[in-house]
Every structure is written in C-alpha cells, then in structure tokens.
Amino acid sequence: MATCPSCAEDVSAKDNFCPFCGEKLKQGTGGNSVAARQTRAKSGGSLSSMTTAIIAVAACAVMFFGTCILIASLLPAVQQAREAARRTQCNNNLKQIGLALHNYQDTFKLFPAAHLNDLEGEPKLSWRVSILPFLGEAGRYNAYQFDDAWDSPLNSGLLNPLPLVYGCPSHTPPGSTSTAYVTITGSNTALGDGKCVPLRDINDGTSNTLMVIEACGLNIPWMKPQDIDAATVKGVGDPNGASSKHTGGAHVLMADGAVRFVSNNIDPKIYKALISRDGGEQITGQ
C-alpha cells in the first residue's frame, strides 16, 4: 500500500491516479503533487523576497548617491553664503570702529594717536585701547594700567578675550587675541605718529583719506601699540600690509567713517595717495 501525497488516503501501489482525489501517483508525483506545488511555492516565495530585497537595496543606493550629489552641488553655494555673511560682519566691524573714532574726536576734538609714546619715545598706548569706552568696553578701559606697558602682568590679563569688533570672522579663530585691523602710521597719516590729529588737518578730505585697514597677515595682539609704517606700504594684498581672507581685496575705513572694499588690483600710487591726509594728490580711478 501507498499513501496519496495529496489526500493521505491509502492507495494501491499499482494505481497511477488516486481514486479519492485524482492526484497522479508515482510518475506524476514530481509535477502535480501537493508537495511539488508547495516546493514551487516556497521557491517562488524565496525568489520574490530576494527580488524585493534587491530592489529595496537598489532604491536606497540611488537615494544615497542622489543625496550625496545634491549635497555636493549645494556645498559651494552654502560656503559662498557663509563667506558673504562673514564679509558683511567685517564691514560692520570697521563701521563700528569708525564711529568710535569719530565719537572720540567729538569728545576730545582730536583723533586718537596711533601710538602714544612713553618718556623714552617708545610706543606705549595703542589707539585700539584709547577708543575702548566708545566701543562699549569702558570696564576694560578703566582696568587698563596706563603707567604700565601693554603687556605688563596687570595689563596682560585684559588681552583675552579679544573684543569682537577687532576680529574678522573670516580670519580670526576662536581664542585668538590678534586684531584684524590696523592703522597706518606716519607724519601725514590720519592717526598720526605719536601725536593726535584734529579733523581740520585732514586737508585731502575725509573721503579721500584712509584711517584703518584690514591686515590679516600681521597677527598683532590687539592691545599692542603696533601698526603699519607708511614707508613700508606696497599695495593691497601685501601680507605685510593691507590684506584679508576675503576674495579679491580688503576692507578699508575712510576718515569720513565710510567702509570700502578695495581691490588687490588697485594702482599702488592711488593707494599710497589715500594714505596721506595732506598730500594734495589728485585721486582718480579708485
């Protein structure tokens, strides 16, 4: 006796077909039996699951690489937007510095000297310290020991943190105490050299005279009475002079309080003419 694989009834071993359910026996068991159908169903189910998994993985891969391509295409735009914001902040810093310089001039009828010297003629006090009260830093100004050197033990404690207005966001890393802004010193510059200059002595006109510039290559501690000697000036883009981390040029503060972005390609003669306050130069093509 044998058992039908479909209905489990006992059938004769000689039967080709089950008399109960009609299932083909022996030679036909591989093709139409329930077991065969179940095997095919399982096989087909496994194949279907595998196909679905492959499609899902492929879809995820497409989404991943598509996202990467999208991010890569957007990254330059994001970087440009960030730099534009940093450049605007740098411009605003110089405007605040210009306003502080003019408030100082309104109060004392003189602009602060680039450096006030000690009895031995050595630079002792920086203009950046002199205008602190007009930048909302009266507390730090009052704590400054004017009889001591800028880097004395007492004054050194005031160096950090850097006043935000003295740092360019494109250049000044967190924790730095180096300023991004300096003046140009000389006998005929806007902030003079060892003496205070009244507004009336800017004979070339305040809109044609530089007062403060970006100088990101010098790393001068902001309280240090150090700037750029007019005799060493070459042009914009000089790492030892006017320079910045912005593309194409650097910001400058004019004596009238306006801030301009000056190209690295400016004629050095024009740039040097802007430095003097009473040179009488004819300035064209700025």
Protein backbone atom coordinates (compact mmCIF):
# COMPACT_ATOMS: atom_id res chain seq x y z
CA MET A 1 0.00 0.00 0.00
CA ALA A 2 0.98 3.55 -0.60
CA THR A 3 -0.32 6.85 0.62
CA CYS A 4 -1.56 9.59 -1.66
CA PRO A 5 0.62 12.68 -1.08
CA SER A 6 -2.39 14.93 -1.64
CA CYS A 7 -5.23 13.46 0.41
CA ALA A 8 -3.24 10.99 2.56
CA GLU A 9 -5.65 8.11 1.65
CA ASP A 10 -4.28 4.62 1.25
CA VAL A 11 -3.98 3.68 -2.41
CA SER A 12 -2.68 0.70 -4.28
CA ALA A 13 0.92 0.80 -5.33
CA LYS A 14 -0.28 -0.13 -8.78
CA ASP A 15 -2.56 2.90 -9.13
CA ASN A 16 -1.38 5.65 -11.41
CA PHE A 17 -4.02 8.02 -10.10
CA CYS A 18 -5.54 8.36 -6.62
CA PRO A 19 -9.09 7.01 -6.66
CA PHE A 20 -10.09 9.52 -3.99
CA CYS A 21 -8.72 12.84 -5.24
CA GLY A 22 -7.44 12.10 -8.72
CA GLU A 23 -3.85 13.04 -7.90
CA LYS A 24 -1.34 11.43 -10.29
CA LEU A 25 0.85 9.00 -8.45
CA LYS A 26 4.36 7.66 -8.95
CA GLN A 27 5.48 9.03 -12.30
CA GLY A 28 3.38 12.13 -11.80
CA THR A 29 4.31 12.93 -8.25
CA GLY A 30 7.04 15.36 -9.25
CA GLY A 31 4.81 17.52 -11.37
CA ASN A 32 1.38 17.91 -9.89
CA SER A 33 1.67 16.72 -6.29
CA VAL A 34 0.88 18.97 -3.41
CA ALA A 35 4.47 18.56 -2.20
CA ALA A 36 5.74 19.64 -5.58
CA ARG A 37 3.37 22.58 -5.61
CA GLN A 38 4.46 23.54 -2.11
CA THR A 39 8.10 23.28 -3.15
CA ARG A 40 7.45 25.55 -6.12
CA ALA A 41 5.52 27.97 -3.88
CA LYS A 42 8.37 28.11 -1.40
CA SER A 43 10.90 28.53 -4.18
CA GLY A 44 8.80 31.24 -5.79
CA GLY A 45 8.35 32.97 -2.43
CA SER A 46 12.06 32.99 -1.78
CA LEU A 47 12.73 34.36 -5.24
CA SER A 48 10.10 37.04 -4.76
CA SER A 49 11.56 38.06 -1.38
CA MET A 50 15.06 38.18 -2.84
CA THR A 51 13.89 40.31 -5.76
CA THR A 52 12.13 42.71 -3.39
CA ALA A 53 15.26 42.97 -1.24
CA ILE A 54 17.41 43.68 -4.28
CA ILE A 55 15.01 46.39 -5.45
CA ALA A 56 14.96 47.95 -1.96
CA VAL A 57 18.75 47.98 -1.74
CA ALA A 58 19.00 49.49 -5.21
CA ALA A 59 16.47 52.18 -4.30
CA CYS A 60 18.41 53.02 -1.14
CA ALA A 61 21.63 53.23 -3.13
CA VAL A 62 20.03 55.57 -5.65
CA MET A 63 18.68 57.75 -2.85
CA PHE A 64 22.06 57.80 -1.07
CA PHE A 65 24.09 58.74 -4.11
CA GLY A 66 21.43 61.20 -5.19
CA THR A 67 21.64 62.87 -1.79
CA CYS A 68 25.45 62.98 -1.99
CA ILE A 69 25.28 64.60 -5.41
CA LEU A 70 22.72 67.13 -4.15
CA ILE A 71 24.88 68.00 -1.12
CA ALA A 72 27.97 68.32 -3.30
CA SER A 73 26.15 70.66 -5.66
CA LEU A 74 24.81 72.79 -2.79
CA LEU A 75 28.07 72.98 -0.81
CA PRO A 76 29.69 75.79 -2.86
CA ALA A 77 26.53 77.89 -2.53
CA VAL A 78 26.47 77.33 1.23
CA GLN A 79 30.14 78.27 1.54
CA GLN A 80 29.58 81.41 -0.54
CA ALA A 81 26.63 82.41 1.64
CA ARG A 82 28.70 81.95 4.79
CA GLU A 83 31.58 83.98 3.40
CA ALA A 84 29.16 86.73 2.33
CA ALA A 85 27.88 86.87 5.91
CA ARG A 86 31.43 87.00 7.31
CA ARG A 87 32.36 89.73 4.86
CA THR A 88 29.32 91.76 5.93
CA GLN A 89 30.31 91.33 9.59
CA CYS A 90 33.84 92.52 8.82
CA ASN A 91 32.40 95.58 7.11
CA ASN A 92 30.20 96.27 10.15
CA ASN A 93 33.19 95.92 12.50
CA LEU A 94 35.01 98.67 10.66
CA LYS A 95 31.91 100.85 10.71
CA GLN A 96 31.75 100.49 14.50
CA ILE A 97 35.45 101.33 14.76
CA GLY A 98 34.92 104.38 12.57
CA LEU A 99 32.00 105.53 14.71
CA ALA A 100 34.11 105.09 17.86
CA LEU A 101 36.97 107.12 16.35
CA HIS A 102 34.61 109.95 15.46
CA ASN A 103 32.96 109.88 18.89
CA TYR A 104 36.44 110.15 20.38
CA GLN A 105 37.12 113.11 18.09
CA ASP A 106 33.83 114.74 19.06
CA THR A 107 34.73 114.35 22.74
CA PHE A 108 38.39 115.43 22.66
CA LYS A 109 38.45 117.46 19.41
CA LEU A 110 41.25 115.21 18.19
CA PHE A 111 41.51 111.72 16.78
CA PRO A 112 43.48 109.34 18.99
CA ALA A 113 47.13 108.97 18.11
CA ALA A 114 48.05 105.65 16.53
CA HIS A 115 50.52 105.28 19.42
CA LEU A 116 51.18 107.46 22.39
CA ASN A 117 54.84 107.18 23.38
CA ASP A 118 56.49 106.93 26.78
CA LEU A 119 59.20 109.29 28.07
CA GLU A 120 61.82 107.36 26.14
CA GLY A 121 59.89 107.82 22.91
CA GLU A 122 58.81 104.18 22.68
CA PRO A 123 55.21 103.34 21.63
CA LYS A 124 53.18 102.68 24.75
CA LEU A 125 49.44 103.06 24.16
CA SER A 126 47.54 101.82 21.12
CA TRP A 127 44.63 103.66 19.54
CA ARG A 128 42.67 100.40 19.90
CA VAL A 129 42.86 100.81 23.68
CA SER A 130 42.11 104.56 23.52
CA ILE A 131 38.70 104.06 21.90
CA LEU A 132 37.51 101.20 24.13
CA PRO A 133 34.96 103.38 26.02
CA PHE A 134 33.32 104.21 22.68
CA LEU A 135 33.01 100.52 21.81
CA GLY A 136 31.11 99.54 24.93
CA GLU A 137 34.31 98.41 26.67
CA ALA A 138 34.54 101.05 29.41
CA GLY A 139 35.14 98.41 32.08
CA ARG A 140 38.21 97.07 30.32
CA TYR A 141 39.45 100.61 29.64
CA ASN A 142 39.12 101.57 33.30
CA ALA A 143 41.04 98.46 34.34
CA TYR A 144 43.93 99.26 31.99
CA GLN A 145 47.09 100.43 33.77
CA PHE A 146 48.29 103.37 31.66
CA ASP A 147 51.55 103.66 33.61
CA ASP A 148 52.48 100.10 32.66
CA ALA A 149 53.46 98.51 29.37
CA TRP A 150 50.66 96.99 27.33
CA ASP A 151 51.98 93.50 28.11
CA SER A 152 52.69 94.07 31.81
CA PRO A 153 51.40 91.39 34.21
CA LEU A 154 48.37 93.53 35.07
CA ASN A 155 47.51 94.56 31.51
CA SER A 156 48.11 91.14 30.02
CA GLY A 157 45.05 89.87 31.85
CA LEU A 158 42.91 92.22 29.73
CA LEU A 159 44.15 90.82 26.43
CA ASN A 160 41.81 87.85 26.37
CA PRO A 161 39.09 87.71 25.19
CA LEU A 162 39.60 89.77 22.06
CA PRO A 163 36.89 92.44 21.67
CA LEU A 164 34.69 91.01 18.92
CA VAL A 165 34.85 94.21 16.92
CA TYR A 166 38.62 93.78 16.45
CA GLY A 167 38.35 90.34 14.83
CA CYS A 168 37.38 89.48 11.26
CA PRO A 169 35.18 86.33 11.23
CA SER A 170 36.93 85.10 8.06
CA HIS A 171 40.35 85.36 9.68
CA THR A 172 40.21 85.34 13.46
CA PRO A 173 39.94 81.86 15.02
CA PRO A 174 38.26 81.34 18.40
CA GLY A 175 40.58 82.18 21.27
CA SER A 176 42.81 84.47 19.20
CA THR A 177 43.92 87.81 20.66
CA SER A 178 45.30 89.18 17.38
CA THR A 179 43.48 92.03 15.68
CA ALA A 180 42.48 92.06 12.04
CA TYR A 181 42.53 95.87 11.86
CA VAL A 182 45.40 98.34 11.98
CA THR A 183 46.09 101.94 11.04
CA ILE A 184 48.97 103.30 9.01
CA THR A 185 51.44 105.44 10.90
CA GLY A 186 53.41 108.40 9.60
CA SER A 187 53.79 112.12 9.94
CA ASN A 188 50.94 112.80 7.49
CA THR A 189 48.50 109.94 8.15
CA ALA A 190 45.02 110.21 9.67
CA LEU A 191 46.01 108.94 13.11
CA GLY A 192 49.49 110.42 13.02
CA ASP A 193 52.62 109.06 14.61
CA GLY A 194 52.99 109.83 18.30
CA LYS A 195 50.54 112.74 18.23
CA CYS A 196 46.80 113.29 17.95
CA VAL A 197 45.44 114.79 14.73
CA PRO A 198 42.48 117.19 14.62
CA LEU A 199 39.84 116.72 11.95
CA ARG A 200 40.77 120.04 10.32
CA ASP A 201 44.23 118.69 9.49
CA ILE A 202 42.86 116.11 7.09
CA ASN A 203 43.24 118.50 4.17
CA ASP A 204 42.86 115.91 1.42
CA GLY A 205 39.29 115.36 2.56
CA THR A 206 37.99 112.67 4.88
CA SER A 207 36.52 110.67 1.98
CA ASN A 208 39.97 110.52 0.34
CA THR A 209 41.99 109.51 3.40
CA LEU A 210 42.43 106.05 4.84
CA MET A 211 42.10 105.62 8.58
CA VAL A 212 42.02 101.87 9.33
CA ILE A 213 42.64 98.84 7.11
CA GLU A 214 42.33 95.07 7.25
CA ALA A 215 45.71 93.45 7.83
CA CYS A 216 45.26 89.73 8.39
CA GLY A 217 48.86 88.72 7.82
CA LEU A 218 50.48 90.51 10.76
CA ASN A 219 48.86 88.81 13.80
CA ILE A 220 49.30 91.85 16.05
CA PRO A 221 47.94 91.47 19.62
CA TRP A 222 45.08 93.95 19.76
CA MET A 223 46.48 95.96 22.71
CA LYS A 224 50.00 96.16 21.27
CA PRO A 225 50.95 99.67 20.02
CA GLN A 226 51.96 98.35 16.61
CA ASP A 227 50.56 99.14 13.17
CA ILE A 228 52.00 99.65 9.67
CA ASP A 229 54.63 102.22 8.85
CA ALA A 230 53.61 104.24 5.80
CA ALA A 231 57.15 103.93 4.46
CA THR A 232 56.74 100.16 4.09
CA VAL A 233 53.39 100.21 2.27
CA LYS A 234 53.33 98.41 -1.09
CA GLY A 235 49.72 97.79 -2.04
CA VAL A 236 46.55 95.91 -1.21
CA GLY A 237 47.08 92.17 -0.93
CA ASP A 238 50.53 92.53 0.64
CA PRO A 239 50.71 90.02 3.55
CA ASN A 240 52.74 92.61 5.48
CA GLY A 241 50.20 95.33 4.79
CA ALA A 242 46.58 95.60 3.73
CA SER A 243 45.32 92.05 3.27
CA SER A 244 42.34 89.86 4.09
CA LYS A 245 40.86 86.39 3.81
CA HIS A 246 38.15 87.75 1.52
CA THR A 247 38.47 87.08 -2.18
CA GLY A 248 39.87 89.86 -4.31
CA GLY A 249 40.76 92.60 -1.86
CA ALA A 250 40.40 94.03 1.65
CA HIS A 251 38.14 96.40 3.57
CA VAL A 252 39.35 99.87 4.45
CA LEU A 253 37.84 102.51 6.72
CA MET A 254 37.98 106.05 5.40
CA ALA A 255 38.32 109.09 7.63
CA ASP A 256 34.69 110.03 6.97
CA GLY A 257 33.54 106.75 8.52
CA ALA A 258 32.70 105.03 5.22
CA VAL A 259 33.92 101.48 4.60
CA ARG A 260 35.08 100.44 1.16
CA PHE A 261 36.26 97.15 -0.30
CA VAL A 262 39.48 97.89 -2.18
CA SER A 263 40.65 95.53 -4.91
CA ASN A 264 44.05 93.86 -4.82
CA ASN A 265 44.48 95.36 -8.29
CA ILE A 266 44.26 98.98 -7.17
CA ASP A 267 47.07 101.13 -8.52
CA PRO A 268 49.70 101.31 -5.73
CA LYS A 269 50.10 105.03 -6.44
CA ILE A 270 46.41 105.64 -5.76
CA TYR A 271 46.57 103.51 -2.63
CA LYS A 272 49.55 105.44 -1.28
CA ALA A 273 47.82 108.72 -2.12
CA LEU A 274 44.86 107.61 0.03
CA ILE A 275 47.19 107.08 2.98
CA SER A 276 48.31 110.69 3.28
CA ARG A 277 45.97 113.23 4.86
CA ASP A 278 47.52 116.32 3.31
CA GLY A 279 49.44 115.21 0.24
CA GLY A 280 47.29 117.21 -2.19
CA GLU A 281 47.20 114.30 -4.69
CA GLN A 282 44.59 114.12 -7.40
CA ILE A 283 42.92 110.76 -6.79
CA THR A 284 41.05 109.22 -9.72
CA GLY A 285 40.08 105.73 -10.74
CA GLN A 286 39.54 104.35 -7.23
